[in-house]
Each structure stands twice: as structure tokens, then as C-alpha cells.
Protein backbone atom coordinates (compact mmCIF):
# COMPACT_ATOMS: atom_id res chain seq x y z
CA MET A 1 127.63 97.93 65.52
CA THR A 2 126.69 101.57 65.98
CA ILE A 3 123.91 102.85 63.78
CA GLU A 4 124.61 106.24 62.22
CA ARG A 5 121.59 108.37 61.40
CA SER A 6 121.66 111.73 59.67
CA GLU A 7 118.88 113.83 58.27
CA PRO A 8 119.19 114.84 54.61
CA SER A 9 120.35 118.30 53.67
CA THR A 10 117.69 120.98 53.97
CA THR A 11 118.60 122.18 50.48
CA ALA A 12 118.86 118.82 48.70
CA ASP A 13 117.04 118.13 45.45
CA GLU A 14 113.81 116.14 45.69
CA ARG A 15 115.23 112.70 44.98
CA THR A 16 118.18 113.12 47.34
CA MET A 17 115.81 114.32 50.03
CA LEU A 18 113.35 111.44 49.58
CA GLU A 19 116.16 108.86 49.57
CA GLY A 20 117.75 110.60 52.55
CA TRP A 21 114.58 110.49 54.64
CA LEU A 22 113.94 106.87 53.69
CA ASN A 23 117.46 105.91 54.77
CA TYR A 24 117.08 107.95 57.96
CA HIS A 25 113.97 105.97 58.87
CA ARG A 26 115.56 102.64 57.89
CA ASN A 27 118.47 103.47 60.19
CA THR A 28 116.10 104.55 62.96
CA LEU A 29 114.48 101.11 63.01
CA ALA A 30 117.90 99.44 63.12
CA TRP A 31 118.92 101.80 65.94
CA LYS A 32 115.83 100.86 67.96
CA CYS A 33 116.92 97.20 67.73
CA GLU A 34 120.59 97.80 68.47
CA GLY A 35 122.14 96.04 71.45
CA LEU A 36 119.22 93.73 72.24
CA THR A 37 119.23 89.95 72.47
CA ASP A 38 117.17 87.73 70.20
CA GLU A 39 114.81 87.09 73.09
CA GLN A 40 114.31 90.82 73.67
CA LEU A 41 113.80 91.43 69.96
CA ARG A 42 111.11 88.71 69.92
CA THR A 43 109.32 90.23 72.95
CA ALA A 44 105.74 91.12 72.05
CA SER A 45 104.31 94.43 73.14
CA VAL A 46 101.24 93.52 75.15
CA GLU A 47 98.95 90.51 74.81
CA PRO A 48 97.14 89.70 72.63
CA SER A 49 99.39 91.61 70.19
CA THR A 50 102.29 89.76 68.59
CA LEU A 51 104.03 93.01 67.63
CA SER A 52 107.77 92.87 68.35
CA LEU A 53 110.90 94.63 67.13
CA MET A 54 112.02 91.54 65.20
CA GLY A 55 108.53 91.25 63.73
CA LEU A 56 108.70 94.89 62.59
CA VAL A 57 112.04 94.27 60.88
CA ARG A 58 110.65 91.17 59.16
CA HIS A 59 107.56 93.17 58.16
CA MET A 60 109.70 95.91 56.65
CA ALA A 61 111.68 93.31 54.69
CA GLU A 62 108.34 92.21 53.21
CA VAL A 63 107.33 95.82 52.51
CA GLU A 64 110.66 96.63 50.82
CA ARG A 65 110.29 93.51 48.66
CA GLY A 66 106.66 94.22 47.84
CA TRP A 67 107.06 97.82 46.72
CA PHE A 68 110.48 97.86 45.10
CA ARG A 69 110.96 94.36 43.73
CA ASN A 70 107.37 93.40 42.94
CA VAL A 71 105.59 96.65 42.17
CA MET A 72 108.37 98.91 40.86
CA ALA A 73 110.49 96.28 39.07
CA ASP A 74 107.86 93.55 38.49
CA GLU A 75 110.12 90.75 39.72
CA GLY A 76 107.25 88.59 40.94
CA MET A 77 109.02 87.58 44.14
CA GLY A 78 107.04 85.52 46.62
CA PRO A 79 106.64 86.47 50.26
CA ILE A 80 109.44 85.88 52.73
CA TYR A 81 107.54 85.26 55.97
CA PHE A 82 103.81 85.43 55.32
CA SER A 83 101.51 83.16 53.34
CA ASP A 84 97.85 82.95 52.37
CA GLU A 85 97.35 80.71 55.41
CA ASP A 86 99.26 83.12 57.70
CA PRO A 87 98.94 86.65 56.26
CA ASP A 88 100.73 88.12 59.31
CA GLY A 89 103.46 85.48 59.39
CA GLU A 90 106.25 88.02 59.74
CA PHE A 91 104.91 88.81 63.23
CA HIS A 92 104.49 85.18 64.32
CA LEU A 93 107.89 84.41 65.79
CA THR A 94 109.27 81.29 67.39
CA GLY A 95 112.35 80.70 69.52
CA ALA A 96 114.14 79.58 66.38
CA ASP A 97 113.83 82.99 64.73
CA THR A 98 117.02 85.02 65.01
CA TRP A 99 118.03 88.63 64.67
CA ALA A 100 120.93 87.61 62.42
CA GLU A 101 118.54 86.09 59.88
CA ALA A 102 115.92 88.86 60.12
CA TYR A 103 118.51 91.63 59.85
CA ALA A 104 120.36 89.99 56.93
CA THR A 105 117.09 89.45 55.05
CA TRP A 106 115.99 93.03 55.67
CA GLN A 107 119.34 94.43 54.53
CA ALA A 108 119.27 92.28 51.38
CA GLU A 109 115.81 93.63 50.55
CA ILE A 110 117.00 97.21 51.14
CA GLU A 111 119.96 96.61 48.84
CA ALA A 112 117.70 95.19 46.13
CA ALA A 113 115.28 98.11 46.62
CA ASN A 114 118.07 100.65 46.16
CA GLU A 115 119.34 98.88 43.04
CA HIS A 116 115.89 98.82 41.47
CA ALA A 117 115.04 102.41 42.42
CA ALA A 118 118.26 103.65 40.81
CA ARG A 119 116.94 102.45 37.43
CA PHE A 120 113.92 104.77 37.51
CA THR A 121 113.17 108.48 37.65
CA LEU A 122 110.74 109.79 40.27
CA ASP A 123 108.08 110.12 37.56
CA ASP A 124 108.54 106.66 36.04
CA HIS A 125 105.60 104.34 36.55
CA SER A 126 106.11 100.92 38.04
CA LEU A 127 106.54 97.95 35.77
CA GLY A 128 104.37 95.85 38.05
CA LYS A 129 101.04 96.40 39.72
CA HIS A 130 99.92 96.30 43.33
CA ARG A 131 98.90 92.72 44.18
CA ARG A 132 95.51 93.70 45.63
CA THR A 133 94.48 96.83 43.72
CA GLY A 134 96.14 96.29 40.33
CA GLU A 135 97.35 99.90 40.35
CA ARG A 136 100.68 101.20 39.06
CA PHE A 137 102.65 103.79 41.02
CA ASN A 138 105.44 106.22 40.26
CA LEU A 139 108.67 106.01 42.24
CA ARG A 140 107.92 109.31 44.01
CA TRP A 141 104.73 107.80 45.47
CA ILE A 142 106.56 104.64 46.55
CA TYR A 143 109.33 106.65 48.26
CA THR A 144 106.75 108.79 50.05
CA HIS A 145 104.76 105.75 51.11
CA MET A 146 107.87 103.98 52.38
CA ILE A 147 108.85 107.00 54.48
CA GLU A 148 105.33 107.00 55.95
CA GLU A 149 105.45 103.24 56.57
CA TYR A 150 108.78 103.40 58.38
CA ALA A 151 107.81 106.51 60.36
CA ARG A 152 104.62 104.83 61.59
CA HIS A 153 106.41 101.63 62.57
CA ASN A 154 109.28 103.55 64.17
CA GLY A 155 106.67 104.96 66.54
CA HIS A 156 105.76 101.38 67.43
CA ALA A 157 109.47 100.59 67.80
CA ASP A 158 109.86 103.49 70.26
CA LEU A 159 107.21 102.00 72.53
CA LEU A 160 108.52 98.44 72.18
CA ARG A 161 112.08 99.49 73.03
CA GLU A 162 110.94 101.49 76.05
CA ARG A 163 108.98 98.48 77.31
CA ILE A 164 111.99 96.18 76.87
CA ASP A 165 114.73 98.20 78.58
CA GLY A 166 113.44 101.70 79.27
CA SER A 167 115.39 103.31 76.41
CA THR A 168 113.74 106.34 74.87
CA GLY A 169 114.69 108.78 72.16
CA ASP A 170 113.71 109.83 68.70
């Protein structure tokens, strides 16, 4: 699989631009993971950190679910990988964890996110509330936050990938 990334048009309307940048960053994370084995994708950065590329993908599946399904659409979906007992469970990998499962879960959450977002305007407020703060958000804020979240973690992915096989690039 070859990951295609393209920046949104410089003259796009606001929604197209926000969705374009979010997809660009989603594709960047997939690109950083491309061509690696499960073992490489489970490789932690530097002890004591458990940060890995597979962990980042699992984390982003949780983030997609949290913001789009639970906050925006108020689906009340439970966590995928973490729990009250293990709040960072998405980063705690075992040899049984596979890229195929992590990637499929992440893609399913992205698909659900896109379906839910399509139902709302940028100014529409979420049906649900944030699980910790109780706040509601408009879709514009969620898109902007998701772009920030992916951009930050793509920086981590850059360093992880370079450590694994020396690959660099934006």
C-alpha cells in the first residue's frame, strides 16, 4: 500500500480546508507506519517511554472515537484500548498486538468520524459533552483540535520512524 498525501487547495472554503488538513495529517501518520513489521511498529522510543508507532495509531483511534462519536454525536461508545485501571492502555502493547488490527480499528473510527461530521455544520454544537469537563464544542473546534492532535503526534512519529530505520521526511 502506498499512502497518498496532498495538501488542500489554497483557495478552498473553510470546511474543505479543515477536512483536507485533517485528512493530510491522518495520511501522514499512516505514511510514517508504512512498510514496517509489527515488531518495528511496536518498538518503543526510549525507555522508560512506551511510545511507539502502533501505540500512536491506537491512541488516534481512541481520539477519533472520543471527539466524533462521543462528543459530537453523543454515541456513548466505550474505550477501545484504555480503561480506568490502565488509562494509557493504547500505548501498552504486547507481542499479540498487530498492525492489521490497529490499522483496521483506526480506519473504522475515521470512517465513523467522517460520517458523523457530515451531519453537522461547522457552527453546530456537539450533542454530547466532553467526558472530563462537561463542555460542548462546535465542529470547527473539533476539526481544529484534531489537526493539532495529529500534527503533534506526527512529530513523535517522525522521531520514532527515524529511530527504527533511519527514514526521515515531512
